[in-house]
Amino acid sequence: MKLQIVGCSHHTAPLEIRERLAFGPSQVPLALTRWRDRFPDAEAVLLSTCNRVELFVANENLDGGPTHHEVVDFLADFHGLNAVEIFDWLFERSGEDAVRHLFSVASSLDSMVVGEPQILAQVKQAYSLAIHGRSDGPLTHAAFQAAIRVAKRVATETAIQRRRVSIPSVAILDFATQIYERFDNKRVLVIGAGEMAEETLRYLADAGAQDFTVVNRSMDRGQQLADQFGGKAASFDERLQYLVHADLVVSATGHGKPVVLLSEFESVQQQRNQKPLFILDLAVPRDIDPAIGDCLGVYLYAIDDLQQACQRNRQAREK
């Protein structure tokens, strides 16, 4: 029996590497199909989140493939990369260490924010996609079902989620409050309507924000999120128009490419008259062109910028 995990996380690789290796929702099924074609005897589950890309591989034959290098080659080939570019950023866990790592990830012990609840849902989704894509098998069934049970026990039988913080809470309470003393008079633009956007909106509402606009590719989903917080929805094509008047932007789409380019923002900037703009880019790959952070009056924070604050919170809670 052979078990291994090959991947990277916020512990081992910078955002620039993680976003090159990230798999969008539509890419995971395609990757699993290609995996079956290349390694028909090997099981696989692919987990891709804003903080990690990890491929869990299993084979009942101890001498069966794939090797560590073959897994790296597979990840590189899918994204059109040279394996040499990414090899040193990828870790490998095998055997018992692989299972222990999976348990730690599912239980949020390995998360940027220890105790955050989203990772268990993401692990379940990765497992479900493997089943749907027929890349699963008896070994992955045993490992992931056990990991899910362990994660549930950790959540219910320990204090790990008490007074927990999340990435959105750190973004608002530790970063946005450094720029704005109050939020009740600020215009908030939300790009995307997923779980991360929803949770960030919840913290903003608790902080007093009232003026919300949600732009999303699915207008119906955007309207649903806006209705929860008494805001309004607009079409995705109107994002630059609303960016002109925004004080705070939260972007968390799964688009895979920047949704606001520097060339687009330059025309927006001319209409803002140097009004300060706070931007939280919570997407991986990033939604906002990093060069926009160099513009006058713009305070742009990506997911890795939150890591230091998360680490401080983690150290305080480890006691």
C-alpha atoms as a PDB file:
ATOM      1  CA  MET A   1       0.000   0.000   0.000  1.00  0.00           C
ATOM      2  CA  LYS A   2       1.383   3.388  -1.009  1.00  0.00           C
ATOM      3  CA  LEU A   3       0.111   6.771   0.206  1.00  0.00           C
ATOM      4  CA  GLN A   4       1.567  10.186  -0.534  1.00  0.00           C
ATOM      5  CA  ILE A   5       0.656  13.852  -0.628  1.00  0.00           C
ATOM      6  CA  VAL A   6       2.475  16.278  -2.905  1.00  0.00           C
ATOM      7  CA  GLY A   7       1.627  19.953  -2.786  1.00  0.00           C
ATOM      8  CA  CYS A   8       2.245  23.396  -1.358  1.00  0.00           C
ATOM      9  CA  SER A   9       0.593  25.656   1.166  1.00  0.00           C
ATOM     10  CA  HIS A  10       1.001  29.079   2.760  1.00  0.00           C
ATOM     11  CA  HIS A  11       3.603  27.434   5.006  1.00  0.00           C
ATOM     12  CA  THR A  12       5.860  26.410   2.123  1.00  0.00           C
ATOM     13  CA  ALA A  13       5.218  28.606  -0.929  1.00  0.00           C
ATOM     14  CA  PRO A  14       4.510  32.293  -1.584  1.00  0.00           C
ATOM     15  CA  LEU A  15       1.291  33.492  -3.175  1.00  0.00           C
ATOM     16  CA  GLU A  16       3.009  33.897  -6.553  1.00  0.00           C
ATOM     17  CA  ILE A  17       3.648  30.151  -6.669  1.00  0.00           C
ATOM     18  CA  ARG A  18       0.320  29.060  -5.196  1.00  0.00           C
ATOM     19  CA  GLU A  19      -1.711  31.046  -7.683  1.00  0.00           C
ATOM     20  CA  ARG A  20       0.205  29.481 -10.594  1.00  0.00           C
ATOM     21  CA  LEU A  21      -0.657  26.035  -9.256  1.00  0.00           C
ATOM     22  CA  ALA A  22      -4.237  26.769  -8.204  1.00  0.00           C
ATOM     23  CA  PHE A  23      -7.094  24.805  -9.753  1.00  0.00           C
ATOM     24  CA  GLY A  24     -10.368  26.591 -10.410  1.00  0.00           C
ATOM     25  CA  PRO A  25     -13.654  24.760  -9.799  1.00  0.00           C
ATOM     26  CA  SER A  26     -13.973  23.787 -13.451  1.00  0.00           C
ATOM     27  CA  GLN A  27     -10.344  22.632 -13.647  1.00  0.00           C
ATOM     28  CA  VAL A  28     -10.500  20.016 -10.886  1.00  0.00           C
ATOM     29  CA  PRO A  29     -12.725  17.539 -12.812  1.00  0.00           C
ATOM     30  CA  LEU A  30     -10.543  17.967 -15.892  1.00  0.00           C
ATOM     31  CA  ALA A  31      -7.394  17.359 -13.851  1.00  0.00           C
ATOM     32  CA  LEU A  32      -8.850  14.193 -12.336  1.00  0.00           C
ATOM     33  CA  THR A  33      -9.788  12.926 -15.808  1.00  0.00           C
ATOM     34  CA  ARG A  34      -6.239  13.497 -17.005  1.00  0.00           C
ATOM     35  CA  TRP A  35      -4.968  11.767 -13.883  1.00  0.00           C
ATOM     36  CA  ARG A  36      -7.011   8.642 -14.632  1.00  0.00           C
ATOM     37  CA  ASP A  37      -5.694   8.603 -18.184  1.00  0.00           C
ATOM     38  CA  ARG A  38      -2.074   8.904 -17.047  1.00  0.00           C
ATOM     39  CA  PHE A  39      -2.200   6.754 -13.896  1.00  0.00           C
ATOM     40  CA  PRO A  40      -5.185   4.409 -14.230  1.00  0.00           C
ATOM     41  CA  ASP A  41      -4.171   2.283 -11.216  1.00  0.00           C
ATOM     42  CA  ALA A  42      -3.599   5.179  -8.793  1.00  0.00           C
ATOM     43  CA  GLU A  43      -6.297   6.889  -6.728  1.00  0.00           C
ATOM     44  CA  ALA A  44      -6.216  10.676  -6.350  1.00  0.00           C
ATOM     45  CA  VAL A  45      -7.997  13.483  -4.521  1.00  0.00           C
ATOM     46  CA  LEU A  46      -7.139  17.078  -5.429  1.00  0.00           C
ATOM     47  CA  LEU A  47      -7.566  19.824  -2.831  1.00  0.00           C
ATOM     48  CA  SER A  48      -7.152  23.403  -4.055  1.00  0.00           C
ATOM     49  CA  THR A  49      -7.980  26.375  -1.804  1.00  0.00           C
ATOM     50  CA  CYS A  50      -6.738  29.926  -1.415  1.00  0.00           C
ATOM     51  CA  ASN A  51      -3.960  28.680   0.866  1.00  0.00           C
ATOM     52  CA  ARG A  52      -3.006  25.273  -0.511  1.00  0.00           C
ATOM     53  CA  VAL A  53      -2.837  22.956  -3.514  1.00  0.00           C
ATOM     54  CA  GLU A  54      -2.406  19.324  -2.455  1.00  0.00           C
ATOM     55  CA  LEU A  55      -2.731  16.095  -4.411  1.00  0.00           C
ATOM     56  CA  PHE A  56      -3.434  13.019  -2.267  1.00  0.00           C
ATOM     57  CA  VAL A  57      -2.318   9.887  -4.122  1.00  0.00           C
ATOM     58  CA  ALA A  58      -2.835   6.237  -3.206  1.00  0.00           C
ATOM     59  CA  ASN A  59      -1.989   2.884  -4.755  1.00  0.00           C
ATOM     60  CA  GLU A  60      -2.641  -0.569  -3.327  1.00  0.00           C
ATOM     61  CA  ASN A  61       0.580  -1.768  -4.955  1.00  0.00           C
ATOM     62  CA  LEU A  62       3.541  -0.526  -2.905  1.00  0.00           C
ATOM     63  CA  ASP A  63       5.760  -0.573  -5.983  1.00  0.00           C
ATOM     64  CA  GLY A  64       3.121   1.043  -8.187  1.00  0.00           C
ATOM     65  CA  GLY A  65       3.270   4.611  -9.469  1.00  0.00           C
ATOM     66  CA  PRO A  66       3.333   7.409  -9.489  1.00  0.00           C
ATOM     67  CA  THR A  67       6.615   8.588  -8.013  1.00  0.00           C
ATOM     68  CA  HIS A  68       7.094  11.949  -6.351  1.00  0.00           C
ATOM     69  CA  HIS A  69       8.656  13.338  -9.534  1.00  0.00           C
ATOM     70  CA  GLU A  70       5.784  12.048 -11.661  1.00  0.00           C
ATOM     71  CA  VAL A  71       3.241  13.820  -9.446  1.00  0.00           C
ATOM     72  CA  VAL A  72       5.222  17.054  -9.729  1.00  0.00           C
ATOM     73  CA  ASP A  73       5.390  16.596 -13.503  1.00  0.00           C
ATOM     74  CA  PHE A  74       1.618  16.094 -13.600  1.00  0.00           C
ATOM     75  CA  LEU A  75       0.944  19.329 -11.699  1.00  0.00           C
ATOM     76  CA  ALA A  76       3.425  21.239 -13.854  1.00  0.00           C
ATOM     77  CA  ASP A  77       2.100  19.843 -17.133  1.00  0.00           C
ATOM     78  CA  PHE A  78      -1.501  20.721 -16.302  1.00  0.00           C
ATOM     79  CA  HIS A  79      -0.584  24.372 -15.767  1.00  0.00           C
ATOM     80  CA  GLY A  80       1.921  24.568 -18.601  1.00  0.00           C
ATOM     81  CA  LEU A  81       4.858  24.996 -16.228  1.00  0.00           C
ATOM     82  CA  ASN A  82       8.365  23.609 -16.128  1.00  0.00           C
ATOM     83  CA  ALA A  83       8.611  21.153 -13.236  1.00  0.00           C
ATOM     84  CA  VAL A  84      11.971  22.658 -12.266  1.00  0.00           C
ATOM     85  CA  GLU A  85      10.233  25.968 -11.539  1.00  0.00           C
ATOM     86  CA  ILE A  86       7.992  24.484  -8.872  1.00  0.00           C
ATOM     87  CA  PHE A  87       9.811  21.424  -7.541  1.00  0.00           C
ATOM     88  CA  ASP A  88      11.525  23.125  -4.600  1.00  0.00           C
ATOM     89  CA  TRP A  89       8.255  24.729  -3.468  1.00  0.00           C
ATOM     90  CA  LEU A  90       6.392  21.424  -3.228  1.00  0.00           C
ATOM     91  CA  PHE A  91       6.480  19.200  -0.159  1.00  0.00           C
ATOM     92  CA  GLU A  92       5.899  15.456   0.007  1.00  0.00           C
ATOM     93  CA  ARG A  93       4.355  13.411   2.803  1.00  0.00           C
ATOM     94  CA  SER A  94       4.160   9.635   2.565  1.00  0.00           C
ATOM     95  CA  GLY A  95       2.669   6.773   4.534  1.00  0.00           C
ATOM     96  CA  GLU A  96       1.617   7.622   8.065  1.00  0.00           C
ATOM     97  CA  ASP A  97       2.885  11.197   7.669  1.00  0.00           C
ATOM     98  CA  ALA A  98       0.530  11.680   4.723  1.00  0.00           C
ATOM     99  CA  VAL A  99      -2.465  10.517   6.760  1.00  0.00           C
ATOM    100  CA  ARG A 100      -1.442  12.664   9.721  1.00  0.00           C
ATOM    101  CA  HIS A 101      -1.122  15.686   7.429  1.00  0.00           C
ATOM    102  CA  LEU A 102      -4.569  15.038   5.938  1.00  0.00           C
ATOM    103  CA  PHE A 103      -6.068  14.840   9.442  1.00  0.00           C
ATOM    104  CA  SER A 104      -4.359  18.106  10.417  1.00  0.00           C
ATOM    105  CA  VAL A 105      -5.595  19.891   7.309  1.00  0.00           C
ATOM    106  CA  ALA A 106      -9.190  18.683   7.697  1.00  0.00           C
ATOM    107  CA  SER A 107      -9.165  19.657  11.387  1.00  0.00           C
ATOM    108  CA  SER A 108      -7.894  23.182  10.551  1.00  0.00           C
ATOM    109  CA  LEU A 109      -4.711  22.642  12.566  1.00  0.00           C
ATOM    110  CA  ASP A 110      -2.670  23.443   9.457  1.00  0.00           C
ATOM    111  CA  SER A 111      -4.765  26.451   8.426  1.00  0.00           C
ATOM    112  CA  MET A 112      -3.543  30.027   8.337  1.00  0.00           C
ATOM    113  CA  VAL A 113      -6.252  30.659  10.928  1.00  0.00           C
ATOM    114  CA  VAL A 114      -6.385  27.679  13.289  1.00  0.00           C
ATOM    115  CA  GLY A 115      -9.973  26.666  13.963  1.00  0.00           C
ATOM    116  CA  GLU A 116     -11.476  28.181  10.820  1.00  0.00           C
ATOM    117  CA  PRO A 117     -14.433  26.092   9.643  1.00  0.00           C
ATOM    118  CA  GLN A 118     -14.166  26.436   5.864  1.00  0.00           C
ATOM    119  CA  ILE A 119     -11.403  23.895   5.307  1.00  0.00           C
ATOM    120  CA  LEU A 120     -13.496  20.884   6.350  1.00  0.00           C
ATOM    121  CA  ALA A 121     -16.134  21.783   3.758  1.00  0.00           C
ATOM    122  CA  GLN A 122     -13.365  22.168   1.174  1.00  0.00           C
ATOM    123  CA  VAL A 123     -11.911  18.747   2.048  1.00  0.00           C
ATOM    124  CA  LYS A 124     -15.382  17.199   1.732  1.00  0.00           C
ATOM    125  CA  GLN A 125     -15.845  18.899  -1.642  1.00  0.00           C
ATOM    126  CA  ALA A 126     -12.468  17.622  -2.906  1.00  0.00           C
ATOM    127  CA  TYR A 127     -13.385  14.092  -1.825  1.00  0.00           C
ATOM    128  CA  SER A 128     -16.803  14.372  -3.470  1.00  0.00           C
ATOM    129  CA  LEU A 129     -15.254  15.550  -6.751  1.00  0.00           C
ATOM    130  CA  ALA A 130     -12.874  12.584  -6.692  1.00  0.00           C
ATOM    131  CA  ILE A 131     -15.817  10.223  -6.266  1.00  0.00           C
ATOM    132  CA  HIS A 132     -17.729  11.936  -9.065  1.00  0.00           C
ATOM    133  CA  GLY A 133     -14.628  11.868 -11.275  1.00  0.00           C
ATOM    134  CA  ARG A 134     -13.972   8.199 -10.476  1.00  0.00           C
ATOM    135  CA  SER A 135     -10.427   8.861  -9.307  1.00  0.00           C
ATOM    136  CA  ASP A 136     -11.274   7.559  -5.840  1.00  0.00           C
ATOM    137  CA  GLY A 137     -10.775   4.073  -4.430  1.00  0.00           C
ATOM    138  CA  PRO A 138     -10.663   2.069  -1.192  1.00  0.00           C
ATOM    139  CA  LEU A 139      -7.580   3.794   0.189  1.00  0.00           C
ATOM    140  CA  THR A 140      -8.812   7.336  -0.406  1.00  0.00           C
ATOM    141  CA  HIS A 141     -12.235   6.346   0.958  1.00  0.00           C
ATOM    142  CA  ALA A 142     -10.689   5.092   4.184  1.00  0.00           C
ATOM    143  CA  ALA A 143      -8.347   8.078   4.592  1.00  0.00           C
ATOM    144  CA  PHE A 144     -10.850  10.848   3.822  1.00  0.00           C
ATOM    145  CA  GLN A 145     -13.768   9.358   5.719  1.00  0.00           C
ATOM    146  CA  ALA A 146     -11.507   8.986   8.759  1.00  0.00           C
ATOM    147  CA  ALA A 147     -10.177  12.543   8.332  1.00  0.00           C
ATOM    148  CA  ILE A 148     -13.716  13.940   8.223  1.00  0.00           C
ATOM    149  CA  ARG A 149     -14.660  12.031  11.383  1.00  0.00           C
ATOM    150  CA  VAL A 150     -11.527  13.274  13.150  1.00  0.00           C
ATOM    151  CA  ALA A 151     -12.198  16.867  12.103  1.00  0.00           C
ATOM    152  CA  LYS A 152     -15.735  16.705  13.471  1.00  0.00           C
ATOM    153  CA  ARG A 153     -14.437  15.351  16.793  1.00  0.00           C
ATOM    154  CA  VAL A 154     -11.816  18.085  16.997  1.00  0.00           C
ATOM    155  CA  ALA A 155     -14.497  20.724  16.417  1.00  0.00           C
ATOM    156  CA  THR A 156     -16.924  19.330  18.993  1.00  0.00           C
ATOM    157  CA  GLU A 157     -14.632  17.888  21.663  1.00  0.00           C
ATOM    158  CA  THR A 158     -11.969  20.605  21.869  1.00  0.00           C
ATOM    159  CA  ALA A 159     -11.979  24.378  22.294  1.00  0.00           C
ATOM    160  CA  ILE A 160     -10.255  25.018  18.965  1.00  0.00           C
ATOM    161  CA  GLN A 161     -13.170  26.968  17.476  1.00  0.00           C
ATOM    162  CA  ARG A 162     -13.923  29.042  20.542  1.00  0.00           C
ATOM    163  CA  ARG A 163     -13.169  32.675  19.946  1.00  0.00           C
ATOM    164  CA  ARG A 164     -11.904  31.620  16.577  1.00  0.00           C
ATOM    165  CA  VAL A 165     -10.955  34.152  13.957  1.00  0.00           C
ATOM    166  CA  SER A 166     -11.161  33.819  10.218  1.00  0.00           C
ATOM    167  CA  ILE A 167      -9.333  35.410   7.323  1.00  0.00           C
ATOM    168  CA  PRO A 168     -12.221  37.882   6.750  1.00  0.00           C
ATOM    169  CA  SER A 169     -12.258  38.836  10.440  1.00  0.00           C
ATOM    170  CA  VAL A 170      -8.514  39.480  10.401  1.00  0.00           C
ATOM    171  CA  ALA A 171      -8.902  41.460   7.161  1.00  0.00           C
ATOM    172  CA  ILE A 172     -11.528  43.768   8.663  1.00  0.00           C
ATOM    173  CA  LEU A 173     -10.566  43.951  12.342  1.00  0.00           C
ATOM    174  CA  ASP A 174      -6.783  44.060  11.915  1.00  0.00           C
ATOM    175  CA  PHE A 175      -6.361  45.826   8.575  1.00  0.00           C
ATOM    176  CA  ALA A 176      -9.377  47.859   7.500  1.00  0.00           C
ATOM    177  CA  THR A 177      -9.634  49.494  10.923  1.00  0.00           C
ATOM    178  CA  GLN A 178      -6.126  50.863  10.419  1.00  0.00           C
ATOM    179  CA  ILE A 179      -7.427  52.901   7.479  1.00  0.00           C
ATOM    180  CA  TYR A 180     -10.973  53.750   8.565  1.00  0.00           C
ATOM    181  CA  GLU A 181     -12.158  54.590  12.075  1.00  0.00           C
ATOM    182  CA  ARG A 182     -15.801  54.032  11.111  1.00  0.00           C
ATOM    183  CA  PHE A 183     -17.654  52.111   8.403  1.00  0.00           C
ATOM    184  CA  ASP A 184     -21.213  53.414   8.612  1.00  0.00           C
ATOM    185  CA  ASN A 185     -20.400  56.158   6.089  1.00  0.00           C
ATOM    186  CA  LYS A 186     -18.346  54.007   3.713  1.00  0.00           C
ATOM    187  CA  ARG A 187     -19.395  52.567   0.352  1.00  0.00           C
ATOM    188  CA  VAL A 188     -18.496  48.899   0.083  1.00  0.00           C
ATOM    189  CA  LEU A 189     -18.085  47.129  -3.252  1.00  0.00           C
ATOM    190  CA  VAL A 190     -18.040  43.332  -3.169  1.00  0.00           C
ATOM    191  CA  ILE A 191     -16.817  41.475  -6.254  1.00  0.00           C
ATOM    192  CA  GLY A 192     -17.941  37.853  -6.086  1.00  0.00           C
ATOM    193  CA  ALA A 193     -20.660  36.204  -4.032  1.00  0.00           C
ATOM    194  CA  GLY A 194     -19.086  33.086  -2.526  1.00  0.00           C
ATOM    195  CA  GLU A 195     -18.513  32.064   1.092  1.00  0.00           C
ATOM    196  CA  MET A 196     -15.480  34.302   1.587  1.00  0.00           C
ATOM    197  CA  ALA A 197     -17.342  37.366   0.304  1.00  0.00           C
ATOM    198  CA  GLU A 198     -20.356  36.554   2.466  1.00  0.00           C
ATOM    199  CA  GLU A 199     -18.299  36.135   5.628  1.00  0.00           C
ATOM    200  CA  THR A 200     -16.400  39.374   4.992  1.00  0.00           C
ATOM    201  CA  LEU A 201     -19.686  41.204   4.511  1.00  0.00           C
ATOM    202  CA  ARG A 202     -20.883  39.842   7.834  1.00  0.00           C
ATOM    203  CA  TYR A 203     -17.880  41.325   9.657  1.00  0.00           C
ATOM    204  CA  LEU A 204     -18.295  44.630   7.840  1.00  0.00           C
ATOM    205  CA  ALA A 205     -21.955  44.772   8.811  1.00  0.00           C
ATOM    206  CA  ASP A 206     -21.026  44.054  12.429  1.00  0.00           C
ATOM    207  CA  ALA A 207     -18.514  46.910  12.217  1.00  0.00           C
ATOM    208  CA  GLY A 208     -21.301  49.267  11.136  1.00  0.00           C
ATOM    209  CA  ALA A 209     -21.111  49.237   7.328  1.00  0.00           C
ATOM    210  CA  GLN A 210     -24.484  49.823   5.653  1.00  0.00           C
ATOM    211  CA  ASP A 211     -23.897  50.697   1.994  1.00  0.00           C
ATOM    212  CA  PHE A 212     -23.173  47.475   0.069  1.00  0.00           C
ATOM    213  CA  THR A 213     -23.054  46.762  -3.655  1.00  0.00           C
ATOM    214  CA  VAL A 214     -22.418  43.208  -4.879  1.00  0.00           C
ATOM    215  CA  VAL A 215     -21.275  42.543  -8.440  1.00  0.00           C
ATOM    216  CA  ASN A 216     -21.166  38.941  -9.559  1.00  0.00           C
ATOM    217  CA  ARG A 217     -21.223  37.010 -12.814  1.00  0.00           C
ATOM    218  CA  SER A 218     -24.417  35.321 -11.639  1.00  0.00           C
ATOM    219  CA  MET A 219     -26.807  38.195 -11.056  1.00  0.00           C
ATOM    220  CA  ASP A 220     -29.210  35.972  -9.105  1.00  0.00           C
ATOM    221  CA  ARG A 221     -26.538  34.868  -6.650  1.00  0.00           C
ATOM    222  CA  GLY A 222     -25.301  38.453  -6.321  1.00  0.00           C
ATOM    223  CA  GLN A 223     -28.834  39.617  -5.554  1.00  0.00           C
ATOM    224  CA  GLN A 224     -29.267  36.913  -2.915  1.00  0.00           C
ATOM    225  CA  LEU A 225     -26.097  38.008  -1.125  1.00  0.00           C
ATOM    226  CA  ALA A 226     -27.001  41.694  -1.381  1.00  0.00           C
ATOM    227  CA  ASP A 227     -30.455  41.028   0.055  1.00  0.00           C
ATOM    228  CA  GLN A 228     -28.943  39.398   3.146  1.00  0.00           C
ATOM    229  CA  PHE A 229     -27.273  42.666   4.081  1.00  0.00           C
ATOM    230  CA  GLY A 230     -29.750  45.201   2.764  1.00  0.00           C
ATOM    231  CA  GLY A 231     -27.550  46.081  -0.188  1.00  0.00           C
ATOM    232  CA  LYS A 232     -27.988  46.113  -3.930  1.00  0.00           C
ATOM    233  CA  ALA A 233     -26.687  43.982  -6.751  1.00  0.00           C
ATOM    234  CA  ALA A 234     -25.219  45.080 -10.065  1.00  0.00           C
ATOM    235  CA  SER A 235     -23.959  43.286 -13.125  1.00  0.00           C
ATOM    236  CA  PHE A 236     -20.354  42.197 -13.276  1.00  0.00           C
ATOM    237  CA  ASP A 237     -19.740  44.513 -16.222  1.00  0.00           C
ATOM    238  CA  GLU A 238     -20.536  47.510 -13.977  1.00  0.00           C
ATOM    239  CA  ARG A 239     -17.712  46.823 -11.519  1.00  0.00           C
ATOM    240  CA  LEU A 240     -15.499  49.682 -12.736  1.00  0.00           C
ATOM    241  CA  GLN A 241     -18.373  52.129 -12.550  1.00  0.00           C
ATOM    242  CA  TYR A 242     -18.966  51.273  -8.889  1.00  0.00           C
ATOM    243  CA  LEU A 243     -15.242  51.199  -8.192  1.00  0.00           C
ATOM    244  CA  VAL A 244     -15.138  54.942  -8.909  1.00  0.00           C
ATOM    245  CA  HIS A 245     -17.239  55.674  -5.822  1.00  0.00           C
ATOM    246  CA  ALA A 246     -16.164  52.838  -3.480  1.00  0.00           C
ATOM    247  CA  ASP A 247     -14.301  53.345  -0.218  1.00  0.00           C
ATOM    248  CA  LEU A 248     -13.684  49.661   0.436  1.00  0.00           C
ATOM    249  CA  VAL A 249     -13.492  46.775  -2.029  1.00  0.00           C
ATOM    250  CA  VAL A 250     -13.666  43.077  -1.217  1.00  0.00           C
ATOM    251  CA  SER A 251     -12.851  40.801  -4.137  1.00  0.00           C
ATOM    252  CA  ALA A 252     -13.169  37.027  -3.798  1.00  0.00           C
ATOM    253  CA  THR A 253     -14.065  35.424  -7.106  1.00  0.00           C
ATOM    254  CA  GLY A 254     -12.932  32.126  -8.577  1.00  0.00           C
ATOM    255  CA  HIS A 255     -12.266  33.702 -11.951  1.00  0.00           C
ATOM    256  CA  GLY A 256      -8.629  32.625 -12.142  1.00  0.00           C
ATOM    257  CA  LYS A 257      -7.484  35.874 -13.771  1.00  0.00           C
ATOM    258  CA  PRO A 258      -7.463  39.521 -12.628  1.00  0.00           C
ATOM    259  CA  VAL A 259     -10.926  41.093 -12.768  1.00  0.00           C
ATOM    260  CA  VAL A 260      -9.452  44.604 -12.441  1.00  0.00           C
ATOM    261  CA  LEU A 261      -6.313  45.388 -14.449  1.00  0.00           C
ATOM    262  CA  LEU A 262      -3.996  48.344 -13.875  1.00  0.00           C
ATOM    263  CA  SER A 263      -4.963  49.807 -17.264  1.00  0.00           C
ATOM    264  CA  GLU A 264      -8.638  49.699 -16.227  1.00  0.00           C
ATOM    265  CA  PHE A 265      -7.969  51.146 -12.804  1.00  0.00           C
ATOM    266  CA  GLU A 266      -6.012  54.095 -14.185  1.00  0.00           C
ATOM    267  CA  SER A 267      -9.172  55.487 -15.787  1.00  0.00           C
ATOM    268  CA  VAL A 268     -11.035  54.873 -12.503  1.00  0.00           C
ATOM    269  CA  GLN A 269      -8.288  56.597 -10.530  1.00  0.00           C
ATOM    270  CA  GLN A 270      -8.635  59.781 -12.556  1.00  0.00           C
ATOM    271  CA  GLN A 271     -12.266  60.067 -11.439  1.00  0.00           C
ATOM    272  CA  ARG A 272     -11.592  59.386  -7.756  1.00  0.00           C
ATOM    273  CA  ASN A 273      -9.650  62.599  -7.052  1.00  0.00           C
ATOM    274  CA  GLN A 274      -7.125  60.818  -4.797  1.00  0.00           C
ATOM    275  CA  LYS A 275      -9.856  59.525  -2.484  1.00  0.00           C
ATOM    276  CA  PRO A 276      -8.434  56.685  -0.322  1.00  0.00           C
ATOM    277  CA  LEU A 277      -9.374  53.162  -1.394  1.00  0.00           C
ATOM    278  CA  PHE A 278      -8.964  50.034   0.735  1.00  0.00           C
ATOM    279  CA  ILE A 279      -8.924  46.771  -1.264  1.00  0.00           C
ATOM    280  CA  LEU A 280      -9.013  43.241   0.099  1.00  0.00           C
ATOM    281  CA  ASP A 281      -8.103  40.702  -2.571  1.00  0.00           C
ATOM    282  CA  LEU A 282      -9.043  37.370  -1.013  1.00  0.00           C
ATOM    283  CA  ALA A 283      -8.839  35.342  -4.219  1.00  0.00           C
ATOM    284  CA  VAL A 284      -6.173  32.886  -5.366  1.00  0.00           C
ATOM    285  CA  PRO A 285      -5.196  33.451  -8.131  1.00  0.00           C
ATOM    286  CA  ARG A 286      -5.499  37.150  -7.336  1.00  0.00           C
ATOM    287  CA  ASP A 287      -8.422  39.203  -8.627  1.00  0.00           C
ATOM    288  CA  ILE A 288      -6.738  42.601  -8.457  1.00  0.00           C
ATOM    289  CA  ASP A 289      -3.653  43.500 -10.473  1.00  0.00           C
ATOM    290  CA  PRO A 290      -0.882  43.807  -7.804  1.00  0.00           C
ATOM    291  CA  ALA A 291       0.452  46.926  -9.543  1.00  0.00           C
ATOM    292  CA  ILE A 292      -2.705  48.764  -8.443  1.00  0.00           C
ATOM    293  CA  GLY A 293      -1.293  48.691  -4.905  1.00  0.00           C
ATOM    294  CA  ASP A 294       1.350  51.211  -6.018  1.00  0.00           C
ATOM    295  CA  CYS A 295      -1.281  53.791  -7.002  1.00  0.00           C
ATOM    296  CA  LEU A 296      -1.675  56.888  -4.849  1.00  0.00           C
ATOM    297  CA  GLY A 297      -4.174  56.458  -2.046  1.00  0.00           C
ATOM    298  CA  VAL A 298      -4.687  52.730  -2.618  1.00  0.00           C
ATOM    299  CA  TYR A 299      -4.228  50.243   0.229  1.00  0.00           C
ATOM    300  CA  LEU A 300      -4.206  46.786  -1.371  1.00  0.00           C
ATOM    301  CA  TYR A 301      -3.935  43.628   0.714  1.00  0.00           C
ATOM    302  CA  ALA A 302      -3.794  40.091  -0.697  1.00  0.00           C
ATOM    303  CA  ILE A 303      -4.211  36.829   1.161  1.00  0.00           C
ATOM    304  CA  ASP A 304      -0.550  36.510   2.200  1.00  0.00           C
ATOM    305  CA  ASP A 305      -0.552  40.003   3.709  1.00  0.00           C
ATOM    306  CA  LEU A 306      -2.960  38.675   6.328  1.00  0.00           C
ATOM    307  CA  GLN A 307      -0.660  35.834   7.347  1.00  0.00           C
ATOM    308  CA  GLN A 308       1.374  37.789   9.902  1.00  0.00           C
ATOM    309  CA  ALA A 309      -1.735  38.924  11.746  1.00  0.00           C
ATOM    310  CA  CYS A 310      -3.121  35.387  11.605  1.00  0.00           C
ATOM    311  CA  GLN A 311       0.125  34.057  13.045  1.00  0.00           C
ATOM    312  CA  ARG A 312      -0.078  36.481  15.970  1.00  0.00           C
ATOM    313  CA  ASN A 313      -3.636  35.359  16.659  1.00  0.00           C
ATOM    314  CA  ARG A 314      -2.574  31.722  16.382  1.00  0.00           C
ATOM    315  CA  GLN A 315       0.214  32.160  18.925  1.00  0.00           C
ATOM    316  CA  ALA A 316      -2.176  33.864  21.320  1.00  0.00           C
ATOM    317  CA  ARG A 317      -4.696  31.046  20.999  1.00  0.00           C
ATOM    318  CA  GLU A 318      -2.233  28.154  21.161  1.00  0.00           C
ATOM    319  CA  LYS A 319      -2.001  28.716  24.919  1.00  0.00           C
END
